[in-house]
Amino acid sequence: MSEPTAGSASDRGRLPGSVIVMAGGFFLVCLAIQIWRLETLSASYDQALFLQELWSTAQGRPFESSLSSVLSAAVALGEALPSTDYLHLGQHANVLTLFGSPLVALIGKWALPVIQATALTVAGLVLWRLADTRLPRALAERITAAYFLSGAVLGPALENFHDLIWLPLLGFLVVGALLESCVWRVTLYGALLLLVREDSGLLLFSLGLWALVRQPGARRIGAGLMLISFVWVLLVTGWIQPMVDSSLSDRFLQEKFGHLVDDPSGGTASVLFAMLRRPLALLEALISPPGETLGFVLALSLPLLFVPIFSVDALLLMAAPLLIALLSQGRSALSVTLRYVLALVPGLYLGAVLWWQQHPKMWSQLWIRRSWTAAISLGLVLTIVANPHRSLSAFIPDSFSPWIHVPPSQMLERRHAALAAVALVPNNVSVSADTPLLPLLAEREKLIRFPNHVQYRDRTGKTHFVDWVVAFPGYYKQLAPVFKLERERQRSIRTKVSELIESGSYRLVYCQRGVVVLQHQDLGIETSQKPTGGTPNSCPSLG
């Protein structure tokens, strides 16, 4: 029996029905879940931050976000108050994401789910086309299925909106251009990749390294990519971002590499050279903790039947992002369903494509195909059961022991309660809101996080109390008995609300179904809601 071959030239312009179903299903499911998250208050801080940033950009103020200022090092350390004119550029140079601002101006908060689902779906179609030109049609479809059903793609697709959604698409496009030694396409897609974020240069550096080592016809292009990406990362992180804010060195580098570098204040270059001076510490960090590190690598490669582990191409294509993931500390470092793994996706999947191109006969073995089907299925089940980012909480319990499950009907009740409270808040006023409520209020200039802050700085540097406070202590009712984070958040909200009312600086305007709305006493704006008495005891949600 002859071996199956890649699709003929006449077939390559047409998407097969199976790929259309996979891509369409992925897009619709991800979009539906993202909309459900928005509607049921499961979308939270980053969703609001990026919505505010893109809304501000559409208003002519690129990168501006008061919510981002809450996360700055100075505010986190208590050295400053949130500010309305803070630029998110100081934390992440996400230039490419700002091109979504016209869609935000057109359809508001719904733009972010559309952009997120679309970017990751189109990336899967580009992967299929690259695989279909090099592999048997059935094998190309299998790799595409592994992409759409993997935790490394589904997890980030169901997460709050983030600026890393472009990495798979642009990574695939750059490698496709390198395979054809097309300089103008490499230049275009490489430039766009650098605009994703300041650290996306790490991915481009790896793609250049792969071309230098594995593509004789594109070695000069690969070397150029390595040089340009290295210089770009140093330029952005060492000069552009520090001019805006010091959070990169004061917070982000400290959080990721504080266990390897005593003083990260010198920026990316000083951190890099400091780590290179400690090779033994680097080696220890790479393999520690060994169990979690091994589990991370196996989980990433499971939907591809562990092929990337044996692929030199895969290792080179994701060398720098994988190195950073293994060296970093913190809960997000070795999580398969967090957004950071998207930097590894181009290397994982194109590395697998190139490996299968070199070993085509193995595809004809029935046990390989059956084992691969089982691996994809197992990976999908593990992803669903893990309930990434609590996106599937309508169907998957938040806790199995003890059993904690908020049914969809209660989620919709919480939504109605939140919408009724938020409707009391006028447009164009300053607000401090509880985390689940932030996406509902993000299309405004002055928005900060409650109970962290009720004061902010305006553009002139003058300090103000926010006009309104909106909190939802009842949101945490089911989760607080089991989860420490929710329990502490509920307690801090109740304490802060009581303090504000008792101090006389705010009056209680609304307290129903677990939601509390406060109005600053000096505001003097009438509302349709009659005050409820003005004491914490009059509000059951504060008990």
Protein backbone atom coordinates (compact mmCIF):
# COMPACT_ATOMS: atom_id res chain seq x y z
CA MET A 1 0.00 0.00 0.00
CA SER A 2 1.42 3.40 -0.96
CA GLU A 3 1.89 6.06 1.69
CA PRO A 4 -0.63 8.91 1.72
CA THR A 5 0.79 12.19 0.53
CA ALA A 6 0.16 15.81 1.30
CA GLY A 7 -2.80 17.47 -0.33
CA SER A 8 -2.38 18.20 -4.03
CA ALA A 9 -1.78 21.73 -5.25
CA SER A 10 -5.40 21.99 -6.40
CA ASP A 11 -6.65 20.98 -2.93
CA ARG A 12 -4.50 23.37 -0.93
CA GLY A 13 -6.69 26.37 -1.61
CA ARG A 14 -9.72 24.69 -0.03
CA LEU A 15 -10.35 23.97 3.61
CA PRO A 16 -11.64 20.44 4.19
CA GLY A 17 -14.93 20.10 6.02
CA SER A 18 -13.29 18.57 9.08
CA VAL A 19 -11.02 21.59 9.56
CA ILE A 20 -13.93 24.00 9.08
CA VAL A 21 -15.89 22.11 11.75
CA MET A 22 -12.92 22.13 14.16
CA ALA A 23 -12.17 25.83 13.66
CA GLY A 24 -15.82 26.86 13.70
CA GLY A 25 -16.54 24.77 16.77
CA PHE A 26 -13.52 26.17 18.61
CA PHE A 27 -14.48 29.75 17.75
CA LEU A 28 -18.13 29.39 18.73
CA VAL A 29 -17.47 27.50 21.96
CA CYS A 30 -14.75 29.91 23.10
CA LEU A 31 -16.82 32.95 22.16
CA ALA A 32 -19.90 31.57 23.92
CA ILE A 33 -17.95 30.79 27.10
CA GLN A 34 -16.31 34.22 27.06
CA ILE A 35 -19.70 35.90 26.69
CA TRP A 36 -21.05 33.73 29.53
CA ARG A 37 -18.12 34.78 31.70
CA LEU A 38 -18.89 38.43 31.03
CA GLU A 39 -22.58 37.99 31.67
CA THR A 40 -22.12 36.06 34.94
CA LEU A 41 -19.30 38.24 36.37
CA SER A 42 -16.65 35.52 35.98
CA ALA A 43 -14.51 37.80 33.84
CA SER A 44 -12.51 39.99 36.17
CA TYR A 45 -9.55 42.33 36.51
CA ASP A 46 -7.52 41.89 33.31
CA GLN A 47 -10.72 41.86 31.26
CA ALA A 48 -11.57 45.29 32.67
CA LEU A 49 -8.01 46.60 32.42
CA PHE A 50 -7.68 45.85 28.71
CA LEU A 51 -11.20 47.08 27.99
CA GLN A 52 -10.40 50.38 29.69
CA GLU A 53 -7.05 50.62 27.88
CA LEU A 54 -8.59 50.03 24.45
CA TRP A 55 -11.52 52.33 25.26
CA SER A 56 -9.05 55.07 26.26
CA THR A 57 -7.10 54.48 23.05
CA ALA A 58 -10.28 54.90 21.04
CA GLN A 59 -10.77 58.21 22.88
CA GLY A 60 -7.33 59.37 21.74
CA ARG A 61 -5.35 58.41 24.87
CA PRO A 62 -3.21 55.37 23.92
CA PHE A 63 -2.15 52.97 26.70
CA GLU A 64 -4.00 54.95 29.39
CA SER A 65 -5.61 52.94 32.21
CA SER A 66 -6.30 53.83 35.83
CA LEU A 67 -6.84 50.12 36.51
CA SER A 68 -3.32 49.42 35.28
CA SER A 69 -1.99 52.02 37.69
CA VAL A 70 -3.42 49.96 40.57
CA LEU A 71 -0.99 47.20 39.57
CA SER A 72 2.05 49.46 39.33
CA ALA A 73 4.88 48.88 41.75
CA ALA A 74 4.51 52.27 43.44
CA VAL A 75 0.80 51.76 44.15
CA ALA A 76 1.23 48.11 45.18
CA LEU A 77 3.91 49.15 47.69
CA GLY A 78 1.71 51.92 49.08
CA GLU A 79 4.02 54.69 47.85
CA ALA A 80 1.47 56.30 45.53
CA LEU A 81 -2.23 56.43 44.68
CA PRO A 82 -3.78 55.17 41.43
CA SER A 83 -3.84 57.81 38.71
CA THR A 84 -6.11 58.43 35.76
CA ASP A 85 -3.32 59.20 33.29
CA TYR A 86 -1.16 56.16 34.02
CA LEU A 87 0.15 54.41 30.89
CA HIS A 88 0.03 50.61 30.74
CA LEU A 89 3.09 50.87 28.50
CA GLY A 90 5.19 51.00 31.67
CA GLN A 91 4.20 47.41 32.39
CA HIS A 92 3.66 45.91 28.94
CA ALA A 93 4.45 47.35 25.51
CA ASN A 94 1.35 45.86 23.90
CA VAL A 95 1.22 48.05 20.80
CA LEU A 96 -0.45 45.47 18.55
CA THR A 97 -3.37 44.99 20.93
CA LEU A 98 -4.26 48.67 20.64
CA PHE A 99 -5.32 48.07 17.03
CA GLY A 100 -8.45 46.50 18.52
CA SER A 101 -9.59 49.88 19.87
CA PRO A 102 -11.85 50.76 16.87
CA LEU A 103 -13.79 47.54 17.47
CA VAL A 104 -14.17 48.46 21.15
CA ALA A 105 -15.50 51.85 20.09
CA LEU A 106 -17.99 50.04 17.84
CA ILE A 107 -19.30 47.17 20.00
CA GLY A 108 -17.88 47.90 23.44
CA LYS A 109 -16.99 45.09 25.85
CA TRP A 110 -18.01 42.40 23.36
CA ALA A 111 -15.02 43.28 21.20
CA LEU A 112 -12.54 41.56 23.49
CA PRO A 113 -14.09 38.05 23.30
CA VAL A 114 -14.39 38.40 19.51
CA ILE A 115 -10.73 39.42 19.14
CA GLN A 116 -9.50 36.67 21.47
CA ALA A 117 -11.46 33.83 19.87
CA THR A 118 -10.67 35.04 16.34
CA ALA A 119 -6.90 35.34 16.83
CA LEU A 120 -6.53 31.83 18.23
CA THR A 121 -8.89 30.32 15.65
CA VAL A 122 -7.06 31.88 12.69
CA ALA A 123 -3.78 30.62 14.17
CA GLY A 124 -5.14 27.08 14.01
CA LEU A 125 -6.04 27.53 10.35
CA VAL A 126 -2.53 28.78 9.55
CA LEU A 127 -1.10 25.76 11.36
CA TRP A 128 -3.28 23.45 9.29
CA ARG A 129 -2.11 25.03 6.05
CA LEU A 130 1.55 24.70 7.04
CA ALA A 131 0.99 21.06 8.01
CA ASP A 132 -1.11 20.23 4.95
CA THR A 133 1.64 21.28 2.55
CA ARG A 134 4.13 18.93 4.22
CA LEU A 135 2.17 15.98 5.58
CA PRO A 136 -0.58 13.58 4.59
CA ARG A 137 -3.97 15.27 4.83
CA ALA A 138 -5.18 13.05 7.69
CA LEU A 139 -2.00 13.70 9.70
CA ALA A 140 -2.30 17.46 9.16
CA GLU A 141 -5.88 17.31 10.40
CA ARG A 142 -4.78 15.34 13.46
CA ILE A 143 -2.19 17.97 14.40
CA THR A 144 -4.82 20.67 13.89
CA ALA A 145 -7.22 18.79 16.16
CA ALA A 146 -4.46 18.55 18.78
CA TYR A 147 -4.10 22.34 18.61
CA PHE A 148 -7.79 23.15 19.01
CA LEU A 149 -8.29 20.60 21.82
CA SER A 150 -5.12 21.21 23.85
CA GLY A 151 -5.06 22.81 27.27
CA ALA A 152 -2.24 25.12 26.12
CA VAL A 153 -4.67 26.73 23.66
CA LEU A 154 -8.07 26.21 25.32
CA GLY A 155 -6.84 27.53 28.68
CA PRO A 156 -5.64 30.90 27.35
CA ALA A 157 -8.70 31.10 25.08
CA LEU A 158 -11.03 30.91 28.09
CA GLU A 159 -8.99 33.27 30.26
CA ASN A 160 -9.52 36.99 30.78
CA PHE A 161 -8.51 38.93 27.68
CA HIS A 162 -4.74 39.23 27.37
CA ASP A 163 -2.13 40.57 24.97
CA LEU A 164 -0.44 37.22 24.21
CA ILE A 165 -3.23 35.93 21.95
CA TRP A 166 -1.25 36.98 18.87
CA LEU A 167 1.79 34.78 19.56
CA PRO A 168 0.59 31.51 17.94
CA LEU A 169 -0.68 33.24 14.80
CA LEU A 170 2.40 35.39 14.23
CA GLY A 171 4.77 32.62 15.29
CA PHE A 172 3.26 30.28 12.70
CA LEU A 173 3.41 32.98 10.02
CA VAL A 174 7.07 33.80 10.71
CA VAL A 175 8.11 30.14 10.55
CA GLY A 176 6.08 29.65 7.37
CA ALA A 177 7.93 32.58 5.79
CA LEU A 178 11.27 31.22 7.01
CA LEU A 179 10.53 27.82 5.47
CA GLU A 180 10.07 29.58 2.13
CA SER A 181 12.94 32.06 2.72
CA CYS A 182 10.57 34.92 1.95
CA VAL A 183 12.33 37.97 3.36
CA TRP A 184 9.49 40.49 3.08
CA ARG A 185 7.04 38.19 4.89
CA VAL A 186 9.58 37.42 7.61
CA THR A 187 10.14 41.16 8.03
CA LEU A 188 6.42 41.98 8.19
CA TYR A 189 5.37 39.18 10.54
CA GLY A 190 8.51 39.55 12.65
CA ALA A 191 7.84 43.27 13.14
CA LEU A 192 4.25 42.56 14.16
CA LEU A 193 5.47 39.89 16.56
CA LEU A 194 7.77 42.38 18.27
CA LEU A 195 4.80 44.72 18.74
CA VAL A 196 2.82 42.10 20.70
CA ARG A 197 4.69 42.78 23.93
CA GLU A 198 8.17 43.62 25.14
CA ASP A 199 8.98 39.95 25.85
CA SER A 200 7.68 38.61 22.52
CA GLY A 201 11.20 39.23 21.24
CA LEU A 202 12.15 36.06 23.12
CA LEU A 203 9.94 34.03 20.81
CA LEU A 204 11.29 35.76 17.70
CA PHE A 205 14.84 35.13 18.95
CA SER A 206 14.06 31.40 19.15
CA LEU A 207 12.56 31.35 15.67
CA GLY A 208 15.73 33.00 14.37
CA LEU A 209 17.87 30.49 16.25
CA TRP A 210 15.95 27.63 14.63
CA ALA A 211 16.44 29.15 11.16
CA LEU A 212 20.16 29.63 11.81
CA VAL A 213 20.65 26.01 12.89
CA ARG A 214 18.09 24.08 10.83
CA GLN A 215 17.43 26.11 7.66
CA PRO A 216 20.57 26.49 5.49
CA GLY A 217 18.74 28.75 3.05
CA ALA A 218 17.60 31.15 5.78
CA ARG A 219 20.62 31.31 8.06
CA ARG A 220 21.33 34.96 7.42
CA ILE A 221 17.69 35.83 8.01
CA GLY A 222 17.75 33.80 11.22
CA ALA A 223 20.86 35.56 12.49
CA GLY A 224 19.26 38.89 11.68
CA LEU A 225 16.12 37.97 13.62
CA MET A 226 18.19 36.98 16.63
CA LEU A 227 20.09 40.27 16.60
CA ILE A 228 17.02 42.45 16.02
CA SER A 229 14.92 40.73 18.68
CA PHE A 230 17.73 40.93 21.25
CA VAL A 231 18.28 44.62 20.61
CA TRP A 232 14.53 45.28 20.63
CA VAL A 233 14.01 43.62 24.02
CA LEU A 234 16.90 45.59 25.53
CA LEU A 235 15.68 48.83 23.94
CA VAL A 236 12.08 48.50 25.09
CA THR A 237 12.75 47.12 28.57
CA GLY A 238 15.89 49.14 29.23
CA TRP A 239 14.90 52.53 27.86
CA ILE A 240 11.30 52.99 26.63
CA GLN A 241 9.38 51.36 29.48
CA PRO A 242 11.52 52.79 32.33
CA MET A 243 10.75 56.29 30.98
CA VAL A 244 7.08 55.60 31.70
CA ASP A 245 7.25 53.63 34.95
CA SER A 246 9.68 51.55 37.00
CA SER A 247 7.27 48.63 37.51
CA LEU A 248 9.16 46.35 35.11
CA SER A 249 12.24 46.26 37.31
CA ASP A 250 10.61 47.00 40.66
CA ARG A 251 7.87 44.41 40.36
CA PHE A 252 7.80 42.10 37.34
CA LEU A 253 11.48 41.15 37.19
CA GLN A 254 11.54 40.78 40.96
CA GLU A 255 8.50 38.49 40.92
CA LYS A 256 9.93 36.24 38.20
CA PHE A 257 13.67 36.23 38.88
CA GLY A 258 14.08 37.47 42.43
CA HIS A 259 15.29 33.99 43.47
CA LEU A 260 18.20 34.27 41.02
CA VAL A 261 19.08 37.97 41.13
CA ASP A 262 19.49 40.05 44.28
CA ASP A 263 18.83 43.41 42.62
CA PRO A 264 16.76 43.53 39.39
CA SER A 265 16.55 47.32 39.36
CA GLY A 266 19.14 47.56 36.59
CA GLY A 267 16.64 46.17 34.06
CA THR A 268 16.61 43.20 31.71
CA ALA A 269 20.25 43.37 30.65
CA SER A 270 21.60 43.45 34.21
CA VAL A 271 19.30 40.59 35.21
CA LEU A 272 20.50 38.52 32.24
CA PHE A 273 24.18 39.04 32.98
CA ALA A 274 23.65 38.47 36.72
CA MET A 275 21.99 35.11 36.02
CA LEU A 276 24.76 34.06 33.64
CA ARG A 277 27.26 34.62 36.42
CA ARG A 278 25.48 31.94 38.47
CA PRO A 279 25.40 28.86 36.18
CA LEU A 280 24.81 26.36 38.99
CA ALA A 281 21.85 28.34 40.31
CA LEU A 282 20.48 28.50 36.75
CA LEU A 283 20.78 24.74 36.35
CA GLU A 284 19.04 24.14 39.67
CA ALA A 285 16.21 26.51 38.78
CA LEU A 286 15.74 24.79 35.42
CA ILE A 287 14.92 21.42 36.95
CA SER A 288 13.34 22.53 40.23
CA PRO A 289 10.93 21.38 41.37
CA PRO A 290 11.62 18.24 39.29
CA GLY A 291 8.14 16.75 39.59
CA GLU A 292 6.34 19.90 38.50
CA THR A 293 8.86 20.58 35.74
CA LEU A 294 8.42 17.08 34.31
CA GLY A 295 4.65 17.32 34.61
CA PHE A 296 4.66 20.67 32.81
CA VAL A 297 6.65 19.31 29.87
CA LEU A 298 4.54 16.14 29.61
CA ALA A 299 1.25 18.02 29.83
CA LEU A 300 2.31 20.42 27.07
CA SER A 301 3.29 17.63 24.70
CA LEU A 302 0.50 15.15 25.59
CA PRO A 303 -1.93 16.28 22.82
CA LEU A 304 0.91 15.74 20.33
CA LEU A 305 1.71 12.24 21.65
CA PHE A 306 4.91 13.62 23.27
CA VAL A 307 6.51 14.18 19.84
CA PRO A 308 7.91 17.65 20.76
CA ILE A 309 10.08 16.02 23.43
CA PHE A 310 11.96 14.19 20.66
CA SER A 311 11.99 17.03 18.14
CA VAL A 312 15.13 19.14 17.79
CA ASP A 313 13.09 21.65 15.80
CA ALA A 314 10.59 22.03 18.63
CA LEU A 315 13.34 22.57 21.19
CA LEU A 316 14.98 25.30 19.10
CA LEU A 317 11.71 27.01 18.17
CA MET A 318 10.71 27.46 21.81
CA ALA A 319 14.17 27.63 23.40
CA ALA A 320 14.02 31.12 24.94
CA PRO A 321 10.35 31.10 26.11
CA LEU A 322 10.79 27.61 27.58
CA LEU A 323 13.96 28.71 29.36
CA ILE A 324 12.12 31.66 30.90
CA ALA A 325 9.17 29.46 31.94
CA LEU A 326 11.46 26.97 33.68
CA LEU A 327 13.57 29.65 35.37
CA SER A 328 10.64 31.75 36.59
CA GLN A 329 9.15 31.45 40.04
CA GLY A 330 5.54 31.85 41.13
CA ARG A 331 2.29 29.98 40.59
CA SER A 332 2.04 30.95 36.91
CA ALA A 333 5.45 29.67 35.90
CA LEU A 334 4.52 26.03 35.25
CA SER A 335 0.80 26.23 34.53
CA VAL A 336 -0.27 24.67 31.23
CA THR A 337 -3.54 26.64 30.92
CA LEU A 338 -2.27 30.16 31.66
CA ARG A 339 -1.62 32.67 28.86
CA TYR A 340 2.16 32.48 29.15
CA VAL A 341 2.27 29.05 27.46
CA LEU A 342 1.14 30.62 24.17
CA ALA A 343 4.78 31.59 23.59
CA LEU A 344 5.53 27.84 23.45
CA VAL A 345 2.69 26.90 21.09
CA PRO A 346 4.42 27.77 17.76
CA GLY A 347 7.43 25.65 18.69
CA LEU A 348 5.35 22.76 20.02
CA TYR A 349 3.15 22.40 16.95
CA LEU A 350 5.50 23.33 14.14
CA GLY A 351 8.19 21.23 15.79
CA ALA A 352 5.75 18.32 15.63
CA VAL A 353 4.95 19.06 11.97
CA LEU A 354 8.64 19.00 11.04
CA TRP A 355 9.23 15.82 13.06
CA TRP A 356 6.42 13.99 11.28
CA GLN A 357 7.75 15.24 7.95
CA GLN A 358 11.00 13.43 8.78
CA HIS A 359 9.23 10.26 10.05
CA PRO A 360 6.22 9.82 7.72
CA LYS A 361 6.08 6.01 7.90
CA MET A 362 5.12 6.00 11.58
CA TRP A 363 1.75 7.53 10.72
CA SER A 364 0.75 4.31 8.93
CA GLN A 365 0.92 2.33 12.19
CA LEU A 366 -2.54 1.81 13.65
CA TRP A 367 -1.38 1.77 17.28
CA ILE A 368 0.18 5.20 16.82
CA ARG A 369 -3.06 6.69 15.56
CA ARG A 370 -5.10 5.05 18.33
CA SER A 371 -2.65 6.15 21.02
CA TRP A 372 -2.73 9.68 19.68
CA THR A 373 -6.53 9.76 19.80
CA ALA A 374 -6.38 8.59 23.40
CA ALA A 375 -3.75 11.23 24.26
CA ILE A 376 -5.84 14.07 22.79
CA SER A 377 -8.93 12.80 24.58
CA LEU A 378 -7.11 12.46 27.91
CA GLY A 379 -5.66 15.95 27.61
CA LEU A 380 -9.09 17.41 26.85
CA VAL A 381 -10.71 15.63 29.81
CA LEU A 382 -7.97 16.84 32.17
CA THR A 383 -8.40 20.39 30.90
CA ILE A 384 -12.18 20.33 31.38
CA VAL A 385 -12.00 18.79 34.85
CA ALA A 386 -9.38 21.38 35.88
CA ASN A 387 -11.97 24.09 35.05
CA PRO A 388 -9.36 26.64 33.87
CA HIS A 389 -9.99 30.14 35.24
CA ARG A 390 -13.36 28.89 36.53
CA SER A 391 -14.70 29.40 33.02
CA LEU A 392 -16.66 26.14 33.18
CA SER A 393 -18.07 26.57 36.68
CA ALA A 394 -21.61 26.36 35.35
CA PHE A 395 -20.93 22.65 34.75
CA ILE A 396 -17.80 21.83 36.77
CA PRO A 397 -17.82 22.30 40.58
CA ASP A 398 -15.39 24.83 41.99
CA SER A 399 -14.54 22.23 44.62
CA PHE A 400 -15.21 18.48 44.72
CA SER A 401 -14.39 18.01 48.40
CA PRO A 402 -16.21 19.71 49.95
CA TRP A 403 -18.69 19.99 47.11
CA ILE A 404 -19.06 23.62 46.02
CA HIS A 405 -21.06 24.35 42.90
CA VAL A 406 -22.87 27.56 41.95
CA PRO A 407 -25.57 26.53 39.46
CA PRO A 408 -26.19 28.63 36.32
CA SER A 409 -29.48 29.96 37.71
CA GLN A 410 -27.67 31.50 40.70
CA MET A 411 -25.00 32.92 38.40
CA LEU A 412 -27.71 34.70 36.42
CA GLU A 413 -29.30 35.94 39.65
CA ARG A 414 -25.95 37.47 40.62
CA ARG A 415 -25.82 39.11 37.20
CA HIS A 416 -29.24 40.70 37.63
CA ALA A 417 -28.30 41.94 41.08
CA ALA A 418 -25.07 43.47 39.77
CA LEU A 419 -26.73 45.15 36.78
CA ALA A 420 -29.40 46.72 39.00
CA ALA A 421 -26.72 48.23 41.24
CA VAL A 422 -24.41 49.37 38.44
CA ALA A 423 -27.34 51.09 36.71
CA LEU A 424 -27.44 53.57 39.61
CA VAL A 425 -23.94 54.83 38.84
CA PRO A 426 -23.92 57.76 36.38
CA ASN A 427 -21.59 57.82 33.41
CA ASN A 428 -18.41 59.91 33.58
CA VAL A 429 -18.04 59.76 37.36
CA SER A 430 -15.18 58.20 39.30
CA VAL A 431 -15.81 54.74 40.72
CA SER A 432 -14.11 52.22 42.96
CA ALA A 433 -15.56 48.78 42.26
CA ASP A 434 -15.24 45.22 43.46
CA THR A 435 -13.28 42.97 41.07
CA PRO A 436 -16.21 41.03 39.50
CA LEU A 437 -17.96 44.33 38.72
CA LEU A 438 -15.02 46.04 37.01
CA PRO A 439 -15.76 44.84 33.42
CA LEU A 440 -19.25 46.34 33.72
CA LEU A 441 -17.79 49.78 34.49
CA ALA A 442 -14.53 49.79 32.54
CA GLU A 443 -15.55 52.13 29.72
CA ARG A 444 -14.77 55.21 31.77
CA GLU A 445 -11.73 57.30 32.63
CA LYS A 446 -11.70 57.03 36.44
CA LEU A 447 -12.03 53.49 37.75
CA ILE A 448 -10.05 51.81 40.52
CA ARG A 449 -10.27 48.61 42.54
CA PHE A 450 -12.22 48.26 45.76
CA PRO A 451 -11.48 47.72 48.63
CA ASN A 452 -7.84 48.49 47.80
CA HIS A 453 -8.44 52.16 47.11
CA VAL A 454 -11.09 54.88 47.30
CA GLN A 455 -8.74 57.73 46.40
CA TYR A 456 -6.97 58.56 43.13
CA ARG A 457 -4.87 61.28 41.50
CA ASP A 458 -6.17 63.27 38.56
CA ARG A 459 -4.08 64.57 35.65
CA THR A 460 -2.90 67.56 37.64
CA GLY A 461 -1.74 65.36 40.53
CA LYS A 462 -4.57 66.43 42.83
CA THR A 463 -6.02 63.74 45.13
CA HIS A 464 -9.76 62.94 45.11
CA PHE A 465 -12.13 60.49 46.75
CA VAL A 466 -14.09 58.48 44.19
CA ASP A 467 -17.66 59.62 43.66
CA TRP A 468 -19.14 56.13 43.93
CA VAL A 469 -18.27 52.77 45.47
CA VAL A 470 -19.84 49.54 44.18
CA ALA A 471 -19.12 46.24 45.94
CA PHE A 472 -20.59 42.75 45.83
CA PRO A 473 -19.80 40.91 49.09
CA GLY A 474 -22.64 38.49 48.35
CA TYR A 475 -20.78 37.28 45.26
CA TYR A 476 -18.38 35.35 47.49
CA LYS A 477 -21.03 33.74 49.70
CA GLN A 478 -20.75 30.18 48.33
CA LEU A 479 -16.97 30.22 47.85
CA ALA A 480 -15.85 31.99 51.05
CA PRO A 481 -16.23 28.99 53.39
CA VAL A 482 -13.76 26.94 51.29
CA PHE A 483 -11.39 29.32 49.50
CA LYS A 484 -9.12 31.61 51.51
CA LEU A 485 -8.84 34.27 48.80
CA GLU A 486 -12.61 34.72 48.50
CA ARG A 487 -13.05 34.63 52.28
CA GLU A 488 -10.47 37.36 52.83
CA ARG A 489 -11.84 39.46 49.98
CA GLN A 490 -15.37 39.29 51.37
CA ARG A 491 -14.15 40.21 54.86
CA SER A 492 -12.08 43.14 53.60
CA ILE A 493 -15.01 44.48 51.54
CA ARG A 494 -17.38 44.38 54.50
CA THR A 495 -14.83 46.01 56.77
CA LYS A 496 -14.01 48.81 54.32
CA VAL A 497 -17.65 49.56 53.52
CA SER A 498 -18.50 49.78 57.21
CA GLU A 499 -15.55 52.12 57.79
CA LEU A 500 -16.60 54.43 54.95
CA ILE A 501 -20.19 54.65 56.18
CA GLU A 502 -19.28 55.15 59.83
CA SER A 503 -16.74 57.84 58.95
CA GLY A 504 -19.48 59.86 57.29
CA SER A 505 -17.57 60.23 54.03
CA TYR A 506 -19.99 57.99 52.13
CA ARG A 507 -23.68 57.28 52.44
CA LEU A 508 -25.37 53.98 51.75
CA VAL A 509 -27.47 54.33 48.60
CA TYR A 510 -28.30 50.72 47.77
CA CYS A 511 -28.13 47.36 49.53
CA GLN A 512 -29.99 44.51 47.90
CA ARG A 513 -29.24 40.91 46.92
CA GLY A 514 -25.67 41.11 48.20
CA VAL A 515 -24.65 44.28 46.33
CA VAL A 516 -23.74 47.54 48.06
CA VAL A 517 -23.56 51.00 46.47
CA LEU A 518 -22.12 54.03 48.27
CA GLN A 519 -22.15 57.68 47.21
CA HIS A 520 -19.63 60.27 48.35
CA GLN A 521 -21.31 62.79 50.63
CA ASP A 522 -19.97 65.80 48.76
CA LEU A 523 -21.20 64.66 45.36
CA GLY A 524 -24.69 66.10 45.59
CA ILE A 525 -26.16 64.12 42.69
CA GLU A 526 -29.69 62.85 43.14
CA THR A 527 -30.54 59.23 42.34
CA SER A 528 -33.79 57.38 41.84
CA GLN A 529 -32.92 55.06 44.72
CA LYS A 530 -33.96 56.20 48.17
CA PRO A 531 -31.18 55.90 50.81
CA THR A 532 -31.60 52.87 53.02
CA GLY A 533 -30.79 54.38 56.35
CA GLY A 534 -27.06 54.95 56.15
CA THR A 535 -25.74 52.48 58.75
CA PRO A 536 -23.93 49.17 58.28
CA ASN A 537 -26.55 47.45 60.44
CA SER A 538 -29.24 48.37 57.94
CA CYS A 539 -27.48 46.33 55.24
CA PRO A 540 -27.60 42.51 55.65
CA SER A 541 -24.78 42.09 53.14
CA LEU A 542 -22.39 43.66 55.63
CA GLY A 543 -23.26 41.26 58.43
